[in-house]
Amino acid sequence: MGCVTAGTFTPAIERYEFKGFMNV
């Protein structure tokens, strides 16, 4: 997401981590 400069290797995967709160 624009945080680093892209390289050339592919296939390539990004890992996104989200956090939130649920009430059950």
mmCIF file of all heavy atoms, coordinates in Angstrom:
data_MODEL
# 
_entry.id   MODEL 
# 
loop_
_atom_site.group_PDB 
_atom_site.id 
_atom_site.type_symbol 
_atom_site.label_atom_id 
_atom_site.label_alt_id 
_atom_site.label_comp_id 
_atom_site.label_asym_id 
_atom_site.label_entity_id 
_atom_site.label_seq_id 
_atom_site.pdbx_PDB_ins_code 
_atom_site.Cartn_x 
_atom_site.Cartn_y 
_atom_site.Cartn_z 
_atom_site.occupancy 
_atom_site.B_iso_or_equiv 
_atom_site.pdbx_formal_charge 
_atom_site.auth_seq_id 
_atom_site.auth_comp_id 
_atom_site.auth_asym_id 
_atom_site.auth_atom_id 
_atom_site.pdbx_PDB_model_num 
ATOM 1   N N   . MET A 1 1  ? 0.818   -1.226  0.000   1.00 0.00 ? 1  MET A N   1 
ATOM 2   C CA  . MET A 1 1  ? 0.000   0.000   0.000   1.00 0.00 ? 1  MET A CA  1 
ATOM 3   C C   . MET A 1 1  ? 0.846   1.268   0.000   1.00 0.00 ? 1  MET A C   1 
ATOM 4   O O   . MET A 1 1  ? 0.532   2.258   0.663   1.00 0.00 ? 1  MET A O   1 
ATOM 5   C CB  . MET A 1 1  ? -0.965  0.001   1.186   1.00 0.00 ? 1  MET A CB  1 
ATOM 6   C CG  . MET A 1 1  ? -2.049  -1.056  1.084   1.00 0.00 ? 1  MET A CG  1 
ATOM 7   S SD  . MET A 1 1  ? -3.460  -0.744  2.153   1.00 0.00 ? 1  MET A SD  1 
ATOM 8   C CE  . MET A 1 1  ? -4.191  0.677   1.325   1.00 0.00 ? 1  MET A CE  1 
ATOM 9   N N   . GLY A 1 2  ? 1.951   1.213   -0.730  1.00 0.00 ? 2  GLY A N   1 
ATOM 10  C CA  . GLY A 1 2  ? 2.794   2.394   -0.866  1.00 0.00 ? 2  GLY A CA  1 
ATOM 11  C C   . GLY A 1 2  ? 3.795   2.583   0.256   1.00 0.00 ? 2  GLY A C   1 
ATOM 12  O O   . GLY A 1 2  ? 4.495   3.593   0.297   1.00 0.00 ? 2  GLY A O   1 
ATOM 13  N N   . CYS A 1 3  ? 3.895   1.585   1.145   1.00 0.00 ? 3  CYS A N   1 
ATOM 14  C CA  . CYS A 1 3  ? 4.826   1.708   2.270   1.00 0.00 ? 3  CYS A CA  1 
ATOM 15  C C   . CYS A 1 3  ? 6.265   1.398   1.874   1.00 0.00 ? 3  CYS A C   1 
ATOM 16  O O   . CYS A 1 3  ? 7.205   1.857   2.523   1.00 0.00 ? 3  CYS A O   1 
ATOM 17  C CB  . CYS A 1 3  ? 4.413   0.775   3.406   1.00 0.00 ? 3  CYS A CB  1 
ATOM 18  S SG  . CYS A 1 3  ? 2.799   1.151   4.117   1.00 0.00 ? 3  CYS A SG  1 
ATOM 19  N N   . VAL A 1 4  ? 6.444   0.569   0.816   1.00 0.00 ? 4  VAL A N   1 
ATOM 20  C CA  . VAL A 1 4  ? 7.783   0.190   0.389   1.00 0.00 ? 4  VAL A CA  1 
ATOM 21  C C   . VAL A 1 4  ? 7.857   0.268   -1.132  1.00 0.00 ? 4  VAL A C   1 
ATOM 22  O O   . VAL A 1 4  ? 6.835   0.337   -1.824  1.00 0.00 ? 4  VAL A O   1 
ATOM 23  C CB  . VAL A 1 4  ? 8.142   -1.244  0.858   1.00 0.00 ? 4  VAL A CB  1 
ATOM 24  C CG1 . VAL A 1 4  ? 8.130   -1.341  2.370   1.00 0.00 ? 4  VAL A CG1 1 
ATOM 25  C CG2 . VAL A 1 4  ? 7.183   -2.257  0.256   1.00 0.00 ? 4  VAL A CG2 1 
ATOM 26  N N   . THR A 1 5  ? 9.068   0.228   -1.648  1.00 0.00 ? 5  THR A N   1 
ATOM 27  C CA  . THR A 1 5  ? 9.276   0.231   -3.092  1.00 0.00 ? 5  THR A CA  1 
ATOM 28  C C   . THR A 1 5  ? 9.157   -1.196  -3.618  1.00 0.00 ? 5  THR A C   1 
ATOM 29  O O   . THR A 1 5  ? 9.757   -2.121  -3.064  1.00 0.00 ? 5  THR A O   1 
ATOM 30  C CB  . THR A 1 5  ? 10.660  0.796   -3.436  1.00 0.00 ? 5  THR A CB  1 
ATOM 31  O OG1 . THR A 1 5  ? 10.761  2.126   -2.914  1.00 0.00 ? 5  THR A OG1 1 
ATOM 32  C CG2 . THR A 1 5  ? 10.881  0.809   -4.940  1.00 0.00 ? 5  THR A CG2 1 
ATOM 33  N N   . ALA A 1 6  ? 8.370   -1.353  -4.655  1.00 0.00 ? 6  ALA A N   1 
ATOM 34  C CA  . ALA A 1 6  ? 8.159   -2.689  -5.227  1.00 0.00 ? 6  ALA A CA  1 
ATOM 35  C C   . ALA A 1 6  ? 9.431   -3.216  -5.855  1.00 0.00 ? 6  ALA A C   1 
ATOM 36  O O   . ALA A 1 6  ? 10.257  -2.465  -6.375  1.00 0.00 ? 6  ALA A O   1 
ATOM 37  C CB  . ALA A 1 6  ? 7.041   -2.638  -6.254  1.00 0.00 ? 6  ALA A CB  1 
ATOM 38  N N   . GLY A 1 7  ? 9.587   -4.556  -5.802  1.00 0.00 ? 7  GLY A N   1 
ATOM 39  C CA  . GLY A 1 7  ? 10.704  -5.218  -6.453  1.00 0.00 ? 7  GLY A CA  1 
ATOM 40  C C   . GLY A 1 7  ? 10.243  -5.891  -7.734  1.00 0.00 ? 7  GLY A C   1 
ATOM 41  O O   . GLY A 1 7  ? 9.320   -5.410  -8.401  1.00 0.00 ? 7  GLY A O   1 
ATOM 42  N N   . THR A 1 8  ? 10.820  -7.042  -8.036  1.00 0.00 ? 8  THR A N   1 
ATOM 43  C CA  . THR A 1 8  ? 10.530  -7.697  -9.312  1.00 0.00 ? 8  THR A CA  1 
ATOM 44  C C   . THR A 1 8  ? 10.037  -9.129  -9.163  1.00 0.00 ? 8  THR A C   1 
ATOM 45  O O   . THR A 1 8  ? 9.526   -9.695  -10.131 1.00 0.00 ? 8  THR A O   1 
ATOM 46  C CB  . THR A 1 8  ? 11.789  -7.712  -10.202 1.00 0.00 ? 8  THR A CB  1 
ATOM 47  O OG1 . THR A 1 8  ? 12.854  -8.383  -9.512  1.00 0.00 ? 8  THR A OG1 1 
ATOM 48  C CG2 . THR A 1 8  ? 12.224  -6.287  -10.538 1.00 0.00 ? 8  THR A CG2 1 
ATOM 49  N N   . PHE A 1 9  ? 10.187  -9.755  -7.976  1.00 0.00 ? 9  PHE A N   1 
ATOM 50  C CA  . PHE A 1 9  ? 9.839   -11.163 -7.866  1.00 0.00 ? 9  PHE A CA  1 
ATOM 51  C C   . PHE A 1 9  ? 8.328   -11.377 -7.890  1.00 0.00 ? 9  PHE A C   1 
ATOM 52  O O   . PHE A 1 9  ? 7.567   -10.654 -7.249  1.00 0.00 ? 9  PHE A O   1 
ATOM 53  C CB  . PHE A 1 9  ? 10.401  -11.772 -6.571  1.00 0.00 ? 9  PHE A CB  1 
ATOM 54  C CG  . PHE A 1 9  ? 9.948   -13.196 -6.376  1.00 0.00 ? 9  PHE A CG  1 
ATOM 55  C CD1 . PHE A 1 9  ? 10.490  -14.220 -7.136  1.00 0.00 ? 9  PHE A CD1 1 
ATOM 56  C CD2 . PHE A 1 9  ? 8.964   -13.514 -5.456  1.00 0.00 ? 9  PHE A CD2 1 
ATOM 57  C CE1 . PHE A 1 9  ? 10.058  -15.530 -6.982  1.00 0.00 ? 9  PHE A CE1 1 
ATOM 58  C CE2 . PHE A 1 9  ? 8.534   -14.822 -5.290  1.00 0.00 ? 9  PHE A CE2 1 
ATOM 59  C CZ  . PHE A 1 9  ? 9.087   -15.829 -6.053  1.00 0.00 ? 9  PHE A CZ  1 
ATOM 60  N N   . THR A 1 10 ? 7.898   -12.386 -8.631  1.00 0.00 ? 10 THR A N   1 
ATOM 61  C CA  . THR A 1 10 ? 6.506   -12.803 -8.676  1.00 0.00 ? 10 THR A CA  1 
ATOM 62  C C   . THR A 1 10 ? 6.483   -14.314 -8.915  1.00 0.00 ? 10 THR A C   1 
ATOM 63  O O   . THR A 1 10 ? 7.406   -14.823 -9.570  1.00 0.00 ? 10 THR A O   1 
ATOM 64  C CB  . THR A 1 10 ? 5.731   -12.054 -9.783  1.00 0.00 ? 10 THR A CB  1 
ATOM 65  O OG1 . THR A 1 10 ? 4.350   -12.370 -9.688  1.00 0.00 ? 10 THR A OG1 1 
ATOM 66  C CG2 . THR A 1 10 ? 6.250   -12.369 -11.168 1.00 0.00 ? 10 THR A CG2 1 
ATOM 67  N N   . PRO A 1 11 ? 5.502   -15.097 -8.412  1.00 0.00 ? 11 PRO A N   1 
ATOM 68  C CA  . PRO A 1 11 ? 4.288   -14.660 -7.728  1.00 0.00 ? 11 PRO A CA  1 
ATOM 69  C C   . PRO A 1 11 ? 4.583   -14.051 -6.362  1.00 0.00 ? 11 PRO A C   1 
ATOM 70  O O   . PRO A 1 11 ? 5.569   -14.392 -5.727  1.00 0.00 ? 11 PRO A O   1 
ATOM 71  C CB  . PRO A 1 11 ? 3.481   -15.962 -7.602  1.00 0.00 ? 11 PRO A CB  1 
ATOM 72  C CG  . PRO A 1 11 ? 4.518   -17.044 -7.625  1.00 0.00 ? 11 PRO A CG  1 
ATOM 73  C CD  . PRO A 1 11 ? 5.574   -16.569 -8.556  1.00 0.00 ? 11 PRO A CD  1 
ATOM 74  N N   . ALA A 1 12 ? 3.692   -13.167 -5.932  1.00 0.00 ? 12 ALA A N   1 
ATOM 75  C CA  . ALA A 1 12 ? 3.926   -12.436 -4.693  1.00 0.00 ? 12 ALA A CA  1 
ATOM 76  C C   . ALA A 1 12 ? 2.596   -12.153 -3.998  1.00 0.00 ? 12 ALA A C   1 
ATOM 77  O O   . ALA A 1 12 ? 1.594   -11.843 -4.649  1.00 0.00 ? 12 ALA A O   1 
ATOM 78  C CB  . ALA A 1 12 ? 4.656   -11.130 -4.988  1.00 0.00 ? 12 ALA A CB  1 
ATOM 79  N N   . ILE A 1 13 ? 2.609   -12.237 -2.676  1.00 0.00 ? 13 ILE A N   1 
ATOM 80  C CA  . ILE A 1 13 ? 1.400   -12.106 -1.869  1.00 0.00 ? 13 ILE A CA  1 
ATOM 81  C C   . ILE A 1 13 ? 1.626   -11.081 -0.768  1.00 0.00 ? 13 ILE A C   1 
ATOM 82  O O   . ILE A 1 13 ? 2.694   -11.029 -0.153  1.00 0.00 ? 13 ILE A O   1 
ATOM 83  C CB  . ILE A 1 13 ? 1.018   -13.456 -1.213  1.00 0.00 ? 13 ILE A CB  1 
ATOM 84  C CG1 . ILE A 1 13 ? 0.951   -14.576 -2.266  1.00 0.00 ? 13 ILE A CG1 1 
ATOM 85  C CG2 . ILE A 1 13 ? -0.286  -13.341 -0.445  1.00 0.00 ? 13 ILE A CG2 1 
ATOM 86  C CD1 . ILE A 1 13 ? -0.115  -14.381 -3.308  1.00 0.00 ? 13 ILE A CD1 1 
ATOM 87  N N   . GLU A 1 14 ? 0.609   -10.245 -0.515  1.00 0.00 ? 14 GLU A N   1 
ATOM 88  C CA  . GLU A 1 14 ? 0.627   -9.321  0.616   1.00 0.00 ? 14 GLU A CA  1 
ATOM 89  C C   . GLU A 1 14 ? -0.266  -9.832  1.737   1.00 0.00 ? 14 GLU A C   1 
ATOM 90  O O   . GLU A 1 14 ? -1.317  -10.427 1.482   1.00 0.00 ? 14 GLU A O   1 
ATOM 91  C CB  . GLU A 1 14 ? 0.117   -7.936  0.196   1.00 0.00 ? 14 GLU A CB  1 
ATOM 92  C CG  . GLU A 1 14 ? 1.147   -7.082  -0.488  1.00 0.00 ? 14 GLU A CG  1 
ATOM 93  C CD  . GLU A 1 14 ? 0.587   -5.725  -0.889  1.00 0.00 ? 14 GLU A CD  1 
ATOM 94  O OE1 . GLU A 1 14 ? -0.649  -5.576  -0.930  1.00 0.00 ? 14 GLU A OE1 1 
ATOM 95  O OE2 . GLU A 1 14 ? 1.383   -4.826  -1.185  1.00 0.00 ? 14 GLU A OE2 1 
ATOM 96  N N   . ARG A 1 15 ? 0.153   -9.563  2.979   1.00 0.00 ? 15 ARG A N   1 
ATOM 97  C CA  . ARG A 1 15 ? -0.605  -9.952  4.163   1.00 0.00 ? 15 ARG A CA  1 
ATOM 98  C C   . ARG A 1 15 ? -1.125  -8.688  4.857   1.00 0.00 ? 15 ARG A C   1 
ATOM 99  O O   . ARG A 1 15 ? -0.363  -7.863  5.329   1.00 0.00 ? 15 ARG A O   1 
ATOM 100 C CB  . ARG A 1 15 ? 0.282   -10.741 5.130   1.00 0.00 ? 15 ARG A CB  1 
ATOM 101 C CG  . ARG A 1 15 ? -0.399  -11.163 6.432   1.00 0.00 ? 15 ARG A CG  1 
ATOM 102 C CD  . ARG A 1 15 ? 0.628   -11.740 7.393   1.00 0.00 ? 15 ARG A CD  1 
ATOM 103 N NE  . ARG A 1 15 ? 0.028   -12.284 8.598   1.00 0.00 ? 15 ARG A NE  1 
ATOM 104 C CZ  . ARG A 1 15 ? -0.284  -11.566 9.686   1.00 0.00 ? 15 ARG A CZ  1 
ATOM 105 N NH1 . ARG A 1 15 ? -0.057  -10.256 9.708   1.00 0.00 ? 15 ARG A NH1 1 
ATOM 106 N NH2 . ARG A 1 15 ? -0.803  -12.156 10.744  1.00 0.00 ? 15 ARG A NH2 1 
ATOM 107 N N   . TYR A 1 16 ? -2.464  -8.546  4.896   1.00 0.00 ? 16 TYR A N   1 
ATOM 108 C CA  . TYR A 1 16 ? -3.114  -7.415  5.566   1.00 0.00 ? 16 TYR A CA  1 
ATOM 109 C C   . TYR A 1 16 ? -3.674  -7.900  6.908   1.00 0.00 ? 16 TYR A C   1 
ATOM 110 O O   . TYR A 1 16 ? -4.377  -8.916  6.953   1.00 0.00 ? 16 TYR A O   1 
ATOM 111 C CB  . TYR A 1 16 ? -4.281  -6.876  4.744   1.00 0.00 ? 16 TYR A CB  1 
ATOM 112 C CG  . TYR A 1 16 ? -3.919  -6.184  3.452   1.00 0.00 ? 16 TYR A CG  1 
ATOM 113 C CD1 . TYR A 1 16 ? -3.470  -6.903  2.348   1.00 0.00 ? 16 TYR A CD1 1 
ATOM 114 C CD2 . TYR A 1 16 ? -4.061  -4.807  3.320   1.00 0.00 ? 16 TYR A CD2 1 
ATOM 115 C CE1 . TYR A 1 16 ? -3.164  -6.273  1.155   1.00 0.00 ? 16 TYR A CE1 1 
ATOM 116 C CE2 . TYR A 1 16 ? -3.761  -4.165  2.133   1.00 0.00 ? 16 TYR A CE2 1 
ATOM 117 C CZ  . TYR A 1 16 ? -3.315  -4.906  1.054   1.00 0.00 ? 16 TYR A CZ  1 
ATOM 118 O OH  . TYR A 1 16 ? -3.017  -4.279  -0.124  1.00 0.00 ? 16 TYR A OH  1 
ATOM 119 N N   . GLU A 1 17 ? -3.413  -7.179  7.979   1.00 0.00 ? 17 GLU A N   1 
ATOM 120 C CA  . GLU A 1 17 ? -3.938  -7.545  9.295   1.00 0.00 ? 17 GLU A CA  1 
ATOM 121 C C   . GLU A 1 17 ? -4.839  -6.435  9.827   1.00 0.00 ? 17 GLU A C   1 
ATOM 122 O O   . GLU A 1 17 ? -4.426  -5.279  9.940   1.00 0.00 ? 17 GLU A O   1 
ATOM 123 C CB  . GLU A 1 17 ? -2.806  -7.806  10.279  1.00 0.00 ? 17 GLU A CB  1 
ATOM 124 C CG  . GLU A 1 17 ? -3.281  -8.260  11.656  1.00 0.00 ? 17 GLU A CG  1 
ATOM 125 C CD  . GLU A 1 17 ? -2.146  -8.663  12.576  1.00 0.00 ? 17 GLU A CD  1 
ATOM 126 O OE1 . GLU A 1 17 ? -1.202  -9.334  12.093  1.00 0.00 ? 17 GLU A OE1 1 
ATOM 127 O OE2 . GLU A 1 17 ? -2.190  -8.318  13.770  1.00 0.00 ? 17 GLU A OE2 1 
ATOM 128 N N   . PHE A 1 18 ? -6.092  -6.809  10.138  1.00 0.00 ? 18 PHE A N   1 
ATOM 129 C CA  . PHE A 1 18 ? -7.088  -5.871  10.662  1.00 0.00 ? 18 PHE A CA  1 
ATOM 130 C C   . PHE A 1 18 ? -7.491  -6.295  12.071  1.00 0.00 ? 18 PHE A C   1 
ATOM 131 O O   . PHE A 1 18 ? -7.551  -7.487  12.378  1.00 0.00 ? 18 PHE A O   1 
ATOM 132 C CB  . PHE A 1 18 ? -8.337  -5.857  9.775   1.00 0.00 ? 18 PHE A CB  1 
ATOM 133 C CG  . PHE A 1 18 ? -8.105  -5.381  8.368   1.00 0.00 ? 18 PHE A CG  1 
ATOM 134 C CD1 . PHE A 1 18 ? -7.644  -6.264  7.386   1.00 0.00 ? 18 PHE A CD1 1 
ATOM 135 C CD2 . PHE A 1 18 ? -8.336  -4.057  8.018   1.00 0.00 ? 18 PHE A CD2 1 
ATOM 136 C CE1 . PHE A 1 18 ? -7.434  -5.823  6.087   1.00 0.00 ? 18 PHE A CE1 1 
ATOM 137 C CE2 . PHE A 1 18 ? -8.128  -3.616  6.715   1.00 0.00 ? 18 PHE A CE2 1 
ATOM 138 C CZ  . PHE A 1 18 ? -7.673  -4.507  5.751   1.00 0.00 ? 18 PHE A CZ  1 
ATOM 139 N N   . LYS A 1 19 ? -7.799  -5.326  12.922  1.00 0.00 ? 19 LYS A N   1 
ATOM 140 C CA  . LYS A 1 19 ? -8.264  -5.620  14.276  1.00 0.00 ? 19 LYS A CA  1 
ATOM 141 C C   . LYS A 1 19 ? -9.496  -4.773  14.609  1.00 0.00 ? 19 LYS A C   1 
ATOM 142 O O   . LYS A 1 19 ? -9.606  -3.618  14.189  1.00 0.00 ? 19 LYS A O   1 
ATOM 143 C CB  . LYS A 1 19 ? -7.170  -5.355  15.317  1.00 0.00 ? 19 LYS A CB  1 
ATOM 144 C CG  . LYS A 1 19 ? -6.004  -6.346  15.258  1.00 0.00 ? 19 LYS A CG  1 
ATOM 145 C CD  . LYS A 1 19 ? -5.014  -6.111  16.374  1.00 0.00 ? 19 LYS A CD  1 
ATOM 146 C CE  . LYS A 1 19 ? -3.847  -7.093  16.300  1.00 0.00 ? 19 LYS A CE  1 
ATOM 147 N NZ  . LYS A 1 19 ? -4.265  -8.475  16.578  1.00 0.00 ? 19 LYS A NZ  1 
ATOM 148 N N   . GLY A 1 20 ? -10.410 -5.385  15.360  1.00 0.00 ? 20 GLY A N   1 
ATOM 149 C CA  . GLY A 1 20 ? -11.616 -4.692  15.806  1.00 0.00 ? 20 GLY A CA  1 
ATOM 150 C C   . GLY A 1 20 ? -12.216 -5.447  16.983  1.00 0.00 ? 20 GLY A C   1 
ATOM 151 O O   . GLY A 1 20 ? -11.693 -6.490  17.401  1.00 0.00 ? 20 GLY A O   1 
ATOM 152 N N   . PHE A 1 21 ? -13.322 -4.953  17.497  1.00 0.00 ? 21 PHE A N   1 
ATOM 153 C CA  . PHE A 1 21 ? -13.934 -5.552  18.688  1.00 0.00 ? 21 PHE A CA  1 
ATOM 154 C C   . PHE A 1 21 ? -15.364 -5.993  18.376  1.00 0.00 ? 21 PHE A C   1 
ATOM 155 O O   . PHE A 1 21 ? -16.139 -5.248  17.766  1.00 0.00 ? 21 PHE A O   1 
ATOM 156 C CB  . PHE A 1 21 ? -13.938 -4.560  19.849  1.00 0.00 ? 21 PHE A CB  1 
ATOM 157 C CG  . PHE A 1 21 ? -12.559 -4.217  20.341  1.00 0.00 ? 21 PHE A CG  1 
ATOM 158 C CD1 . PHE A 1 21 ? -11.872 -3.127  19.815  1.00 0.00 ? 21 PHE A CD1 1 
ATOM 159 C CD2 . PHE A 1 21 ? -11.942 -4.999  21.307  1.00 0.00 ? 21 PHE A CD2 1 
ATOM 160 C CE1 . PHE A 1 21 ? -10.591 -2.816  20.252  1.00 0.00 ? 21 PHE A CE1 1 
ATOM 161 C CE2 . PHE A 1 21 ? -10.665 -4.696  21.751  1.00 0.00 ? 21 PHE A CE2 1 
ATOM 162 C CZ  . PHE A 1 21 ? -9.993  -3.608  21.222  1.00 0.00 ? 21 PHE A CZ  1 
ATOM 163 N N   . MET A 1 22 ? -15.690 -7.222  18.804  1.00 0.00 ? 22 MET A N   1 
ATOM 164 C CA  . MET A 1 22 ? -17.055 -7.732  18.653  1.00 0.00 ? 22 MET A CA  1 
ATOM 165 C C   . MET A 1 22 ? -17.630 -8.034  20.033  1.00 0.00 ? 22 MET A C   1 
ATOM 166 O O   . MET A 1 22 ? -16.918 -8.448  20.950  1.00 0.00 ? 22 MET A O   1 
ATOM 167 C CB  . MET A 1 22 ? -17.094 -8.982  17.775  1.00 0.00 ? 22 MET A CB  1 
ATOM 168 C CG  . MET A 1 22 ? -16.538 -10.227 18.421  1.00 0.00 ? 22 MET A CG  1 
ATOM 169 S SD  . MET A 1 22 ? -16.875 -11.721 17.440  1.00 0.00 ? 22 MET A SD  1 
ATOM 170 C CE  . MET A 1 22 ? -16.099 -12.979 18.457  1.00 0.00 ? 22 MET A CE  1 
ATOM 171 N N   . ASN A 1 23 ? -18.942 -7.837  20.163  1.00 0.00 ? 23 ASN A N   1 
ATOM 172 C CA  . ASN A 1 23 ? -19.645 -8.094  21.412  1.00 0.00 ? 23 ASN A CA  1 
ATOM 173 C C   . ASN A 1 23 ? -20.632 -9.235  21.190  1.00 0.00 ? 23 ASN A C   1 
ATOM 174 O O   . ASN A 1 23 ? -21.577 -9.102  20.407  1.00 0.00 ? 23 ASN A O   1 
ATOM 175 C CB  . ASN A 1 23 ? -20.382 -6.829  21.882  1.00 0.00 ? 23 ASN A CB  1 
ATOM 176 C CG  . ASN A 1 23 ? -21.080 -7.030  23.216  1.00 0.00 ? 23 ASN A CG  1 
ATOM 177 O OD1 . ASN A 1 23 ? -20.969 -8.087  23.846  1.00 0.00 ? 23 ASN A OD1 1 
ATOM 178 N ND2 . ASN A 1 23 ? -21.799 -6.015  23.664  1.00 0.00 ? 23 ASN A ND2 1 
ATOM 179 N N   . VAL A 1 24 ? -20.393 -10.376 21.846  1.00 0.00 ? 24 VAL A N   1 
ATOM 180 C CA  . VAL A 1 24 ? -21.326 -11.497 21.791  1.00 0.00 ? 24 VAL A CA  1 
ATOM 181 C C   . VAL A 1 24 ? -21.771 -11.869 23.206  1.00 0.00 ? 24 VAL A C   1 
ATOM 182 O O   . VAL A 1 24 ? -22.269 -12.965 23.446  1.00 0.00 ? 24 VAL A O   1 
ATOM 183 C CB  . VAL A 1 24 ? -20.707 -12.728 21.087  1.00 0.00 ? 24 VAL A CB  1 
ATOM 184 C CG1 . VAL A 1 24 ? -20.475 -12.446 19.617  1.00 0.00 ? 24 VAL A CG1 1 
ATOM 185 C CG2 . VAL A 1 24 ? -19.406 -13.161 21.767  1.00 0.00 ? 24 VAL A CG2 1 
# 
